[in-house]
Amino acid sequence: MDIGLKKKILDHLEKLKTKTIIVEGKKDKSALEYFGVKNVVALKKGVFETCIEISGNVKEVVILTDLDKEGKKLYSMIYENLVRNNVKIDNNFRGFLFKETDLRHIEGLVRYIEKEK
């Protein structure tokens, strides 16, 4: 990975520190927490329950489900539920990861960045 790409990823992660992020599981949550991102919600209760809970508490979220087939399906379900409840979705980091990297699983973020130290 070139140093410019690594810096861009770290810059995006820095911006996430002030946002609410939804991820698929505990490993994804741990990967983001490694970079100091604190307000991470793992889908432990299920999509609908999580969306209802989040809708009552925040106005904007970042959805960081994996970028594979299953993650894309989950993303769509979460997106639809949250938008229906007037929650804004910030897709900047997800779009960046999809277009600019070959990373497809959020839990692999630490290894992806650290491998080129």
PDB file of N, CA and C in Angstrom:
ATOM      1  N   MET A   1       0.852  -1.173   0.000  1.00  0.00           N
ATOM      2  CA  MET A   1       0.000   0.000   0.000  1.00  0.00           C
ATOM      3  C   MET A   1       0.895   1.233   0.000  1.00  0.00           C
ATOM      4  N   ASP A   2       0.558   2.181  -0.840  1.00  0.00           N
ATOM      5  CA  ASP A   2       1.370   3.400  -0.838  1.00  0.00           C
ATOM      6  C   ASP A   2       1.003   4.273   0.358  1.00  0.00           C
ATOM      7  N   ILE A   3       1.913   5.120   0.733  1.00  0.00           N
ATOM      8  CA  ILE A   3       1.758   5.951   1.933  1.00  0.00           C
ATOM      9  C   ILE A   3       0.562   6.900   1.809  1.00  0.00           C
ATOM     10  N   GLY A   4       0.265   7.338   0.591  1.00  0.00           N
ATOM     11  CA  GLY A   4      -0.873   8.230   0.372  1.00  0.00           C
ATOM     12  C   GLY A   4      -2.195   7.549   0.686  1.00  0.00           C
ATOM     13  N   LEU A   5      -2.337   6.295   0.268  1.00  0.00           N
ATOM     14  CA  LEU A   5      -3.566   5.543   0.532  1.00  0.00           C
ATOM     15  C   LEU A   5      -3.711   5.301   2.031  1.00  0.00           C
ATOM     16  N   LYS A   6      -2.633   4.924   2.671  1.00  0.00           N
ATOM     17  CA  LYS A   6      -2.660   4.689   4.116  1.00  0.00           C
ATOM     18  C   LYS A   6      -3.081   5.957   4.858  1.00  0.00           C
ATOM     19  N   LYS A   7      -2.542   7.101   4.452  1.00  0.00           N
ATOM     20  CA  LYS A   7      -2.890   8.375   5.093  1.00  0.00           C
ATOM     21  C   LYS A   7      -4.367   8.692   4.892  1.00  0.00           C
ATOM     22  N   LYS A   8      -4.883   8.436   3.694  1.00  0.00           N
ATOM     23  CA  LYS A   8      -6.295   8.701   3.422  1.00  0.00           C
ATOM     24  C   LYS A   8      -7.193   7.834   4.308  1.00  0.00           C
ATOM     25  N   ILE A   9      -6.830   6.562   4.463  1.00  0.00           N
ATOM     26  CA  ILE A   9      -7.615   5.674   5.321  1.00  0.00           C
ATOM     27  C   ILE A   9      -7.593   6.174   6.757  1.00  0.00           C
ATOM     28  N   LEU A  10      -6.404   6.531   7.250  1.00  0.00           N
ATOM     29  CA  LEU A  10      -6.278   7.023   8.623  1.00  0.00           C
ATOM     30  C   LEU A  10      -7.034   8.344   8.813  1.00  0.00           C
ATOM     31  N   ASP A  11      -7.031   9.196   7.794  1.00  0.00           N
ATOM     32  CA  ASP A  11      -7.797  10.448   7.860  1.00  0.00           C
ATOM     33  C   ASP A  11      -9.305  10.162   7.965  1.00  0.00           C
ATOM     34  N   HIS A  12      -9.786   9.203   7.172  1.00  0.00           N
ATOM     35  CA  HIS A  12     -11.198   8.819   7.250  1.00  0.00           C
ATOM     36  C   HIS A  12     -11.519   8.278   8.638  1.00  0.00           C
ATOM     37  N   LEU A  13     -10.645   7.441   9.169  1.00  0.00           N
ATOM     38  CA  LEU A  13     -10.871   6.871  10.495  1.00  0.00           C
ATOM     39  C   LEU A  13     -10.918   7.962  11.561  1.00  0.00           C
ATOM     40  N   GLU A  14     -10.100   8.976  11.399  1.00  0.00           N
ATOM     41  CA  GLU A  14     -10.105  10.094  12.347  1.00  0.00           C
ATOM     42  C   GLU A  14     -11.472  10.787  12.344  1.00  0.00           C
ATOM     43  N   LYS A  15     -12.048  10.963  11.168  1.00  0.00           N
ATOM     44  CA  LYS A  15     -13.361  11.606  11.057  1.00  0.00           C
ATOM     45  C   LYS A  15     -14.472  10.750  11.661  1.00  0.00           C
ATOM     46  N   LEU A  16     -14.281   9.433  11.668  1.00  0.00           N
ATOM     47  CA  LEU A  16     -15.290   8.531  12.220  1.00  0.00           C
ATOM     48  C   LEU A  16     -15.395   8.633  13.736  1.00  0.00           C
ATOM     49  N   LYS A  17     -14.396   9.200  14.369  1.00  0.00           N
ATOM     50  CA  LYS A  17     -14.368   9.260  15.835  1.00  0.00           C
ATOM     51  C   LYS A  17     -15.522  10.070  16.415  1.00  0.00           C
ATOM     52  N   THR A  18     -16.142  10.910  15.605  1.00  0.00           N
ATOM     53  CA  THR A  18     -17.248  11.736  16.091  1.00  0.00           C
ATOM     54  C   THR A  18     -18.611  11.216  15.626  1.00  0.00           C
ATOM     55  N   LYS A  19     -18.624  10.055  14.985  1.00  0.00           N
ATOM     56  CA  LYS A  19     -19.870   9.551  14.396  1.00  0.00           C
ATOM     57  C   LYS A  19     -20.300   8.231  15.033  1.00  0.00           C
ATOM     58  N   THR A  20     -21.545   7.867  14.805  1.00  0.00           N
ATOM     59  CA  THR A  20     -22.058   6.558  15.189  1.00  0.00           C
ATOM     60  C   THR A  20     -21.877   5.631  13.990  1.00  0.00           C
ATOM     61  N   ILE A  21     -21.272   4.472  14.219  1.00  0.00           N
ATOM     62  CA  ILE A  21     -20.978   3.529  13.148  1.00  0.00           C
ATOM     63  C   ILE A  21     -21.664   2.204  13.436  1.00  0.00           C
ATOM     64  N   ILE A  22     -22.293   1.618  12.428  1.00  0.00           N
ATOM     65  CA  ILE A  22     -22.912   0.296  12.552  1.00  0.00           C
ATOM     66  C   ILE A  22     -22.034  -0.699  11.803  1.00  0.00           C
ATOM     67  N   VAL A  23     -21.672  -1.791  12.476  1.00  0.00           N
ATOM     68  CA  VAL A  23     -20.882  -2.863  11.872  1.00  0.00           C
ATOM     69  C   VAL A  23     -21.597  -4.197  12.080  1.00  0.00           C
ATOM     70  N   GLU A  24     -21.096  -5.236  11.408  1.00  0.00           N
ATOM     71  CA  GLU A  24     -21.744  -6.541  11.492  1.00  0.00           C
ATOM     72  C   GLU A  24     -21.504  -7.258  12.818  1.00  0.00           C
ATOM     73  N   GLY A  25     -20.279  -7.230  13.329  1.00  0.00           N
ATOM     74  CA  GLY A  25     -19.993  -8.037  14.508  1.00  0.00           C
ATOM     75  C   GLY A  25     -18.893  -7.483  15.387  1.00  0.00           C
ATOM     76  N   LYS A  26     -18.554  -8.289  16.412  1.00  0.00           N
ATOM     77  CA  LYS A  26     -17.579  -7.877  17.422  1.00  0.00           C
ATOM     78  C   LYS A  26     -16.183  -7.640  16.842  1.00  0.00           C
ATOM     79  N   LYS A  27     -15.779  -8.458  15.894  1.00  0.00           N
ATOM     80  CA  LYS A  27     -14.436  -8.299  15.306  1.00  0.00           C
ATOM     81  C   LYS A  27     -14.334  -6.991  14.516  1.00  0.00           C
ATOM     82  N   ASP A  28     -15.409  -6.637  13.827  1.00  0.00           N
ATOM     83  CA  ASP A  28     -15.442  -5.364  13.102  1.00  0.00           C
ATOM     84  C   ASP A  28     -15.354  -4.205  14.089  1.00  0.00           C
ATOM     85  N   LYS A  29     -16.114  -4.318  15.162  1.00  0.00           N
ATOM     86  CA  LYS A  29     -16.115  -3.282  16.203  1.00  0.00           C
ATOM     87  C   LYS A  29     -14.719  -3.134  16.800  1.00  0.00           C
ATOM     88  N   SER A  30     -14.068  -4.237  17.104  1.00  0.00           N
ATOM     89  CA  SER A  30     -12.714  -4.208  17.667  1.00  0.00           C
ATOM     90  C   SER A  30     -11.719  -3.551  16.723  1.00  0.00           C
ATOM     91  N   ALA A  31     -11.863  -3.829  15.426  1.00  0.00           N
ATOM     92  CA  ALA A  31     -10.946  -3.240  14.440  1.00  0.00           C
ATOM     93  C   ALA A  31     -11.055  -1.719  14.448  1.00  0.00           C
ATOM     94  N   LEU A  32     -12.261  -1.191  14.511  1.00  0.00           N
ATOM     95  CA  LEU A  32     -12.441   0.261  14.540  1.00  0.00           C
ATOM     96  C   LEU A  32     -11.984   0.849  15.870  1.00  0.00           C
ATOM     97  N   GLU A  33     -12.255   0.149  16.958  1.00  0.00           N
ATOM     98  CA  GLU A  33     -11.814   0.629  18.270  1.00  0.00           C
ATOM     99  C   GLU A  33     -10.294   0.689  18.370  1.00  0.00           C
ATOM    100  N   TYR A  34      -9.609  -0.184  17.653  1.00  0.00           N
ATOM    101  CA  TYR A  34      -8.149  -0.171  17.607  1.00  0.00           C
ATOM    102  C   TYR A  34      -7.631   1.203  17.156  1.00  0.00           C
ATOM    103  N   PHE A  35      -8.391   1.847  16.280  1.00  0.00           N
ATOM    104  CA  PHE A  35      -8.016   3.165  15.754  1.00  0.00           C
ATOM    105  C   PHE A  35      -8.646   4.310  16.542  1.00  0.00           C
ATOM    106  N   GLY A  36      -9.240   4.010  17.680  1.00  0.00           N
ATOM    107  CA  GLY A  36      -9.792   5.050  18.538  1.00  0.00           C
ATOM    108  C   GLY A  36     -11.220   5.450  18.228  1.00  0.00           C
ATOM    109  N   VAL A  37     -11.888   4.698  17.370  1.00  0.00           N
ATOM    110  CA  VAL A  37     -13.285   4.970  17.052  1.00  0.00           C
ATOM    111  C   VAL A  37     -14.128   4.327  18.149  1.00  0.00           C
ATOM    112  N   LYS A  38     -14.907   5.127  18.853  1.00  0.00           N
ATOM    113  CA  LYS A  38     -15.574   4.652  20.070  1.00  0.00           C
ATOM    114  C   LYS A  38     -17.054   4.309  19.917  1.00  0.00           C
ATOM    115  N   ASN A  39     -17.779   5.058  19.135  1.00  0.00           N
ATOM    116  CA  ASN A  39     -19.233   4.891  19.077  1.00  0.00           C
ATOM    117  C   ASN A  39     -19.623   3.893  17.987  1.00  0.00           C
ATOM    118  N   VAL A  40     -19.267   2.616  18.220  1.00  0.00           N
ATOM    119  CA  VAL A  40     -19.499   1.563  17.233  1.00  0.00           C
ATOM    120  C   VAL A  40     -20.567   0.610  17.768  1.00  0.00           C
ATOM    121  N   VAL A  41     -21.571   0.348  16.936  1.00  0.00           N
ATOM    122  CA  VAL A  41     -22.672  -0.540  17.301  1.00  0.00           C
ATOM    123  C   VAL A  41     -22.584  -1.793  16.434  1.00  0.00           C
ATOM    124  N   ALA A  42     -22.438  -2.951  17.079  1.00  0.00           N
ATOM    125  CA  ALA A  42     -22.434  -4.229  16.351  1.00  0.00           C
ATOM    126  C   ALA A  42     -23.857  -4.766  16.296  1.00  0.00           C
ATOM    127  N   LEU A  43     -24.201  -5.392  15.186  1.00  0.00           N
ATOM    128  CA  LEU A  43     -25.548  -5.950  15.007  1.00  0.00           C
ATOM    129  C   LEU A  43     -25.698  -7.226  15.822  1.00  0.00           C
ATOM    130  N   LYS A  44     -25.919  -7.093  17.109  1.00  0.00           N
ATOM    131  CA  LYS A  44     -26.084  -8.284  17.933  1.00  0.00           C
ATOM    132  C   LYS A  44     -27.551  -8.626  18.151  1.00  0.00           C
ATOM    133  N   LYS A  45     -28.412  -7.628  18.106  1.00  0.00           N
ATOM    134  CA  LYS A  45     -29.844  -7.838  18.330  1.00  0.00           C
ATOM    135  C   LYS A  45     -30.581  -8.177  17.046  1.00  0.00           C
ATOM    136  N   GLY A  46     -30.022  -7.837  15.931  1.00  0.00           N
ATOM    137  CA  GLY A  46     -30.704  -7.991  14.658  1.00  0.00           C
ATOM    138  C   GLY A  46     -30.873  -6.641  13.995  1.00  0.00           C
ATOM    139  N   VAL A  47     -31.084  -6.647  12.712  1.00  0.00           N
ATOM    140  CA  VAL A  47     -31.146  -5.414  11.933  1.00  0.00           C
ATOM    141  C   VAL A  47     -32.273  -4.503  12.396  1.00  0.00           C
ATOM    142  N   PHE A  48     -33.472  -5.024  12.486  1.00  0.00           N
ATOM    143  CA  PHE A  48     -34.615  -4.171  12.787  1.00  0.00           C
ATOM    144  C   PHE A  48     -34.540  -3.579  14.186  1.00  0.00           C
ATOM    145  N   GLU A  49     -34.180  -4.401  15.160  1.00  0.00           N
ATOM    146  CA  GLU A  49     -34.071  -3.924  16.535  1.00  0.00           C
ATOM    147  C   GLU A  49     -32.989  -2.861  16.660  1.00  0.00           C
ATOM    148  N   THR A  50     -31.855  -3.106  16.019  1.00  0.00           N
ATOM    149  CA  THR A  50     -30.754  -2.143  16.061  1.00  0.00           C
ATOM    150  C   THR A  50     -31.158  -0.824  15.411  1.00  0.00           C
ATOM    151  N   CYS A  51     -31.825  -0.895  14.285  1.00  0.00           N
ATOM    152  CA  CYS A  51     -32.258   0.321  13.589  1.00  0.00           C
ATOM    153  C   CYS A  51     -33.253   1.124  14.415  1.00  0.00           C
ATOM    154  N   ILE A  52     -34.171   0.445  15.070  1.00  0.00           N
ATOM    155  CA  ILE A  52     -35.148   1.141  15.918  1.00  0.00           C
ATOM    156  C   ILE A  52     -34.426   1.847  17.057  1.00  0.00           C
ATOM    157  N   GLU A  53     -33.505   1.136  17.687  1.00  0.00           N
ATOM    158  CA  GLU A  53     -32.748   1.710  18.805  1.00  0.00           C
ATOM    159  C   GLU A  53     -31.940   2.935  18.355  1.00  0.00           C
ATOM    160  N   ILE A  54     -31.264   2.820  17.221  1.00  0.00           N
ATOM    161  CA  ILE A  54     -30.431   3.914  16.721  1.00  0.00           C
ATOM    162  C   ILE A  54     -31.292   5.094  16.271  1.00  0.00           C
ATOM    163  N   SER A  55     -32.407   4.813  15.621  1.00  0.00           N
ATOM    164  CA  SER A  55     -33.279   5.883  15.114  1.00  0.00           C
ATOM    165  C   SER A  55     -33.742   6.821  16.211  1.00  0.00           C
ATOM    166  N   GLY A  56     -33.911   6.294  17.398  1.00  0.00           N
ATOM    167  CA  GLY A  56     -34.366   7.121  18.499  1.00  0.00           C
ATOM    168  C   GLY A  56     -33.267   7.958  19.132  1.00  0.00           C
ATOM    169  N   ASN A  57     -32.001   7.684  18.755  1.00  0.00           N
ATOM    170  CA  ASN A  57     -30.883   8.334  19.442  1.00  0.00           C
ATOM    171  C   ASN A  57     -29.980   9.218  18.584  1.00  0.00           C
ATOM    172  N   VAL A  58     -29.939   8.989  17.281  1.00  0.00           N
ATOM    173  CA  VAL A  58     -29.001   9.747  16.439  1.00  0.00           C
ATOM    174  C   VAL A  58     -29.665  10.236  15.162  1.00  0.00           C
ATOM    175  N   LYS A  59     -29.070  11.261  14.570  1.00  0.00           N
ATOM    176  CA  LYS A  59     -29.583  11.839  13.322  1.00  0.00           C
ATOM    177  C   LYS A  59     -28.800  11.360  12.098  1.00  0.00           C
ATOM    178  N   GLU A  60     -27.545  10.878  12.327  1.00  0.00           N
ATOM    179  CA  GLU A  60     -26.696  10.457  11.207  1.00  0.00           C
ATOM    180  C   GLU A  60     -25.834   9.273  11.644  1.00  0.00           C
ATOM    181  N   VAL A  61     -25.651   8.302  10.743  1.00  0.00           N
ATOM    182  CA  VAL A  61     -24.803   7.148  11.022  1.00  0.00           C
ATOM    183  C   VAL A  61     -23.933   6.804   9.818  1.00  0.00           C
ATOM    184  N   VAL A  62     -22.913   6.020  10.098  1.00  0.00           N
ATOM    185  CA  VAL A  62     -22.070   5.431   9.072  1.00  0.00           C
ATOM    186  C   VAL A  62     -22.340   3.930   9.127  1.00  0.00           C
ATOM    187  N   ILE A  63     -22.667   3.341   7.987  1.00  0.00           N
ATOM    188  CA  ILE A  63     -22.890   1.895   7.927  1.00  0.00           C
ATOM    189  C   ILE A  63     -21.634   1.268   7.336  1.00  0.00           C
ATOM    190  N   LEU A  64     -20.935   0.462   8.146  1.00  0.00           N
ATOM    191  CA  LEU A  64     -19.715  -0.188   7.675  1.00  0.00           C
ATOM    192  C   LEU A  64     -19.847  -1.705   7.741  1.00  0.00           C
ATOM    193  N   THR A  65     -20.864  -2.217   7.064  1.00  0.00           N
ATOM    194  CA  THR A  65     -20.932  -3.662   6.907  1.00  0.00           C
ATOM    195  C   THR A  65     -19.870  -4.045   5.884  1.00  0.00           C
ATOM    196  N   ASP A  66     -19.542  -5.332   5.847  1.00  0.00           N
ATOM    197  CA  ASP A  66     -18.507  -5.787   4.919  1.00  0.00           C
ATOM    198  C   ASP A  66     -18.898  -5.465   3.480  1.00  0.00           C
ATOM    199  N   LEU A  67     -17.904  -5.457   2.623  1.00  0.00           N
ATOM    200  CA  LEU A  67     -18.118  -5.091   1.224  1.00  0.00           C
ATOM    201  C   LEU A  67     -18.277  -6.328   0.333  1.00  0.00           C
ATOM    202  N   ASP A  68     -18.668  -7.438   0.948  1.00  0.00           N
ATOM    203  CA  ASP A  68     -18.946  -8.658   0.202  1.00  0.00           C
ATOM    204  C   ASP A  68     -20.456  -8.767  -0.040  1.00  0.00           C
ATOM    205  N   LYS A  69     -20.887  -9.871  -0.631  1.00  0.00           N
ATOM    206  CA  LYS A  69     -22.303 -10.026  -0.996  1.00  0.00           C
ATOM    207  C   LYS A  69     -23.223  -9.923   0.232  1.00  0.00           C
ATOM    208  N   GLU A  70     -22.898 -10.639   1.295  1.00  0.00           N
ATOM    209  CA  GLU A  70     -23.721 -10.620   2.506  1.00  0.00           C
ATOM    210  C   GLU A  70     -23.728  -9.234   3.150  1.00  0.00           C
ATOM    211  N   GLY A  71     -22.571  -8.597   3.178  1.00  0.00           N
ATOM    212  CA  GLY A  71     -22.469  -7.258   3.745  1.00  0.00           C
ATOM    213  C   GLY A  71     -23.291  -6.241   2.972  1.00  0.00           C
ATOM    214  N   LYS A  72     -23.330  -6.400   1.662  1.00  0.00           N
ATOM    215  CA  LYS A  72     -24.124  -5.488   0.832  1.00  0.00           C
ATOM    216  C   LYS A  72     -25.618  -5.670   1.089  1.00  0.00           C
ATOM    217  N   LYS A  73     -26.045  -6.913   1.303  1.00  0.00           N
ATOM    218  CA  LYS A  73     -27.454  -7.163   1.621  1.00  0.00           C
ATOM    219  C   LYS A  73     -27.814  -6.521   2.965  1.00  0.00           C
ATOM    220  N   LEU A  74     -26.954  -6.725   3.954  1.00  0.00           N
ATOM    221  CA  LEU A  74     -27.176  -6.118   5.266  1.00  0.00           C
ATOM    222  C   LEU A  74     -27.205  -4.603   5.163  1.00  0.00           C
ATOM    223  N   TYR A  75     -26.273  -4.041   4.398  1.00  0.00           N
ATOM    224  CA  TYR A  75     -26.216  -2.592   4.201  1.00  0.00           C
ATOM    225  C   TYR A  75     -27.564  -2.086   3.692  1.00  0.00           C
ATOM    226  N   SER A  76     -28.104  -2.737   2.681  1.00  0.00           N
ATOM    227  CA  SER A  76     -29.381  -2.303   2.093  1.00  0.00           C
ATOM    228  C   SER A  76     -30.505  -2.336   3.111  1.00  0.00           C
ATOM    229  N   MET A  77     -30.565  -3.399   3.904  1.00  0.00           N
ATOM    230  CA  MET A  77     -31.624  -3.509   4.913  1.00  0.00           C
ATOM    231  C   MET A  77     -31.486  -2.411   5.969  1.00  0.00           C
ATOM    232  N   ILE A  78     -30.265  -2.190   6.435  1.00  0.00           N
ATOM    233  CA  ILE A  78     -30.028  -1.160   7.454  1.00  0.00           C
ATOM    234  C   ILE A  78     -30.342   0.221   6.879  1.00  0.00           C
ATOM    235  N   TYR A  79     -29.827   0.469   5.677  1.00  0.00           N
ATOM    236  CA  TYR A  79     -30.032   1.761   5.018  1.00  0.00           C
ATOM    237  C   TYR A  79     -31.524   2.083   4.908  1.00  0.00           C
ATOM    238  N   GLU A  80     -32.285   1.145   4.365  1.00  0.00           N
ATOM    239  CA  GLU A  80     -33.722   1.374   4.167  1.00  0.00           C
ATOM    240  C   GLU A  80     -34.437   1.662   5.477  1.00  0.00           C
ATOM    241  N   ASN A  81     -34.117   0.893   6.501  1.00  0.00           N
ATOM    242  CA  ASN A  81     -34.767   1.077   7.808  1.00  0.00           C
ATOM    243  C   ASN A  81     -34.421   2.416   8.428  1.00  0.00           C
ATOM    244  N   LEU A  82     -33.166   2.814   8.340  1.00  0.00           N
ATOM    245  CA  LEU A  82     -32.766   4.074   8.955  1.00  0.00           C
ATOM    246  C   LEU A  82     -33.298   5.282   8.188  1.00  0.00           C
ATOM    247  N   VAL A  83     -33.220   5.250   6.877  1.00  0.00           N
ATOM    248  CA  VAL A  83     -33.718   6.369   6.064  1.00  0.00           C
ATOM    249  C   VAL A  83     -35.218   6.546   6.285  1.00  0.00           C
ATOM    250  N   ARG A  84     -35.924   5.439   6.388  1.00  0.00           N
ATOM    251  CA  ARG A  84     -37.366   5.486   6.658  1.00  0.00           C
ATOM    252  C   ARG A  84     -37.652   6.202   7.983  1.00  0.00           C
ATOM    253  N   ASN A  85     -36.680   6.139   8.892  1.00  0.00           N
ATOM    254  CA  ASN A  85     -36.833   6.788  10.195  1.00  0.00           C
ATOM    255  C   ASN A  85     -36.073   8.112  10.275  1.00  0.00           C
ATOM    256  N   ASN A  86     -35.830   8.712   9.110  1.00  0.00           N
ATOM    257  CA  ASN A  86     -35.213  10.042   9.013  1.00  0.00           C
ATOM    258  C   ASN A  86     -33.792  10.126   9.569  1.00  0.00           C
ATOM    259  N   VAL A  87     -33.039   9.036   9.471  1.00  0.00           N
ATOM    260  CA  VAL A  87     -31.632   9.053   9.865  1.00  0.00           C
ATOM    261  C   VAL A  87     -30.800   9.205   8.594  1.00  0.00           C
ATOM    262  N   LYS A  88     -29.886  10.169   8.590  1.00  0.00           N
ATOM    263  CA  LYS A  88     -29.014  10.412   7.441  1.00  0.00           C
ATOM    264  C   LYS A  88     -27.875   9.382   7.455  1.00  0.00           C
ATOM    265  N   ILE A  89     -27.490   8.919   6.263  1.00  0.00           N
ATOM    266  CA  ILE A  89     -26.419   7.943   6.140  1.00  0.00           C
ATOM    267  C   ILE A  89     -25.199   8.610   5.506  1.00  0.00           C
ATOM    268  N   ASP A  90     -24.055   8.483   6.166  1.00  0.00           N
ATOM    269  CA  ASP A  90     -22.780   8.986   5.651  1.00  0.00           C
ATOM    270  C   ASP A  90     -22.048   7.814   4.993  1.00  0.00           C
ATOM    271  N   ASN A  91     -21.932   7.848   3.670  1.00  0.00           N
ATOM    272  CA  ASN A  91     -21.313   6.766   2.918  1.00  0.00           C
ATOM    273  C   ASN A  91     -19.877   7.058   2.482  1.00  0.00           C
ATOM    274  N   ASN A  92     -19.289   8.136   2.951  1.00  0.00           N
ATOM    275  CA  ASN A  92     -17.970   8.543   2.471  1.00  0.00           C
ATOM    276  C   ASN A  92     -16.908   7.458   2.643  1.00  0.00           C
ATOM    277  N   PHE A  93     -16.750   6.933   3.853  1.00  0.00           N
ATOM    278  CA  PHE A  93     -15.690   5.956   4.096  1.00  0.00           C
ATOM    279  C   PHE A  93     -15.985   4.636   3.400  1.00  0.00           C
ATOM    280  N   ARG A  94     -17.223   4.184   3.431  1.00  0.00           N
ATOM    281  CA  ARG A  94     -17.593   2.935   2.766  1.00  0.00           C
ATOM    282  C   ARG A  94     -17.304   3.015   1.262  1.00  0.00           C
ATOM    283  N   GLY A  95     -17.716   4.114   0.649  1.00  0.00           N
ATOM    284  CA  GLY A  95     -17.467   4.305  -0.775  1.00  0.00           C
ATOM    285  C   GLY A  95     -15.983   4.356  -1.087  1.00  0.00           C
ATOM    286  N   PHE A  96     -15.235   5.041  -0.244  1.00  0.00           N
ATOM    287  CA  PHE A  96     -13.786   5.128  -0.420  1.00  0.00           C
ATOM    288  C   PHE A  96     -13.157   3.736  -0.356  1.00  0.00           C
ATOM    289  N   LEU A  97     -13.500   2.950   0.661  1.00  0.00           N
ATOM    290  CA  LEU A  97     -12.933   1.604   0.793  1.00  0.00           C
ATOM    291  C   LEU A  97     -13.258   0.748  -0.418  1.00  0.00           C
ATOM    292  N   PHE A  98     -14.494   0.841  -0.891  1.00  0.00           N
ATOM    293  CA  PHE A  98     -14.927   0.019  -2.017  1.00  0.00           C
ATOM    294  C   PHE A  98     -14.192   0.395  -3.301  1.00  0.00           C
ATOM    295  N   LYS A  99     -14.012   1.694  -3.534  1.00  0.00           N
ATOM    296  CA  LYS A  99     -13.394   2.153  -4.783  1.00  0.00           C
ATOM    297  C   LYS A  99     -11.866   2.146  -4.762  1.00  0.00           C
ATOM    298  N   GLU A 100     -11.286   2.478  -3.620  1.00  0.00           N
ATOM    299  CA  GLU A 100      -9.844   2.716  -3.564  1.00  0.00           C
ATOM    300  C   GLU A 100      -9.016   1.578  -2.983  1.00  0.00           C
ATOM    301  N   THR A 101      -9.668   0.567  -2.370  1.00  0.00           N
ATOM    302  CA  THR A 101      -8.912  -0.527  -1.753  1.00  0.00           C
ATOM    303  C   THR A 101      -9.487  -1.868  -2.187  1.00  0.00           C
ATOM    304  N   ASP A 102      -8.745  -2.932  -1.869  1.00  0.00           N
ATOM    305  CA  ASP A 102      -9.275  -4.271  -2.111  1.00  0.00           C
ATOM    306  C   ASP A 102      -9.772  -4.901  -0.810  1.00  0.00           C
ATOM    307  N   LEU A 103      -9.872  -4.104   0.240  1.00  0.00           N
ATOM    308  CA  LEU A 103     -10.385  -4.569   1.527  1.00  0.00           C
ATOM    309  C   LEU A 103     -11.879  -4.854   1.394  1.00  0.00           C
ATOM    310  N   ARG A 104     -12.313  -6.021   1.825  1.00  0.00           N
ATOM    311  CA  ARG A 104     -13.727  -6.364   1.730  1.00  0.00           C
ATOM    312  C   ARG A 104     -14.348  -6.718   3.075  1.00  0.00           C
ATOM    313  N   HIS A 105     -13.518  -6.855   4.125  1.00  0.00           N
ATOM    314  CA  HIS A 105     -14.018  -7.190   5.457  1.00  0.00           C
ATOM    315  C   HIS A 105     -13.458  -6.190   6.453  1.00  0.00           C
ATOM    316  N   ILE A 106     -14.344  -5.501   7.163  1.00  0.00           N
ATOM    317  CA  ILE A 106     -13.948  -4.450   8.097  1.00  0.00           C
ATOM    318  C   ILE A 106     -13.027  -5.001   9.183  1.00  0.00           C
ATOM    319  N   GLU A 107     -13.254  -6.239   9.608  1.00  0.00           N
ATOM    320  CA  GLU A 107     -12.407  -6.820  10.647  1.00  0.00           C
ATOM    321  C   GLU A 107     -10.945  -6.910  10.219  1.00  0.00           C
ATOM    322  N   GLY A 108     -10.665  -6.873   8.924  1.00  0.00           N
ATOM    323  CA  GLY A 108      -9.296  -6.946   8.417  1.00  0.00           C
ATOM    324  C   GLY A 108      -8.615  -5.590   8.285  1.00  0.00           C
ATOM    325  N   LEU A 109      -9.263  -4.539   8.743  1.00  0.00           N
ATOM    326  CA  LEU A 109      -8.743  -3.181   8.586  1.00  0.00           C
ATOM    327  C   LEU A 109      -7.381  -2.983   9.252  1.00  0.00           C
ATOM    328  N   VAL A 110      -7.207  -3.503  10.460  1.00  0.00           N
ATOM    329  CA  VAL A 110      -5.940  -3.330  11.176  1.00  0.00           C
ATOM    330  C   VAL A 110      -4.807  -3.977  10.386  1.00  0.00           C
ATOM    331  N   ARG A 111      -5.007  -5.218   9.998  1.00  0.00           N
ATOM    332  CA  ARG A 111      -3.967  -5.929   9.256  1.00  0.00           C
ATOM    333  C   ARG A 111      -3.693  -5.245   7.917  1.00  0.00           C
ATOM    334  N   TYR A 112      -4.749  -4.758   7.274  1.00  0.00           N
ATOM    335  CA  TYR A 112      -4.598  -4.080   5.986  1.00  0.00           C
ATOM    336  C   TYR A 112      -3.691  -2.868   6.095  1.00  0.00           C
ATOM    337  N   ILE A 113      -3.886  -2.087   7.148  1.00  0.00           N
ATOM    338  CA  ILE A 113      -3.084  -0.870   7.333  1.00  0.00           C
ATOM    339  C   ILE A 113      -1.700  -1.197   7.882  1.00  0.00           C
ATOM    340  N   GLU A 114      -1.622  -2.131   8.808  1.00  0.00           N
ATOM    341  CA  GLU A 114      -0.359  -2.440   9.481  1.00  0.00           C
ATOM    342  C   GLU A 114       0.609  -3.234   8.606  1.00  0.00           C
ATOM    343  N   LYS A 115       0.114  -3.911   7.587  1.00  0.00           N
ATOM    344  CA  LYS A 115       0.983  -4.781   6.796  1.00  0.00           C
ATOM    345  C   LYS A 115       2.091  -4.036   6.051  1.00  0.00           C
ATOM    346  N   GLU A 116       1.912  -2.762   5.870  1.00  0.00           N
ATOM    347  CA  GLU A 116       2.899  -1.990   5.104  1.00  0.00           C
ATOM    348  C   GLU A 116       3.741  -1.063   5.968  1.00  0.00           C
ATOM    349  N   LYS A 117       3.831  -1.335   7.249  1.00  0.00           N
ATOM    350  CA  LYS A 117       4.617  -0.447   8.126  1.00  0.00           C
ATOM    351  C   LYS A 117       6.082  -0.481   7.780  1.00  0.00           C
TER     352      LYS A 117
END
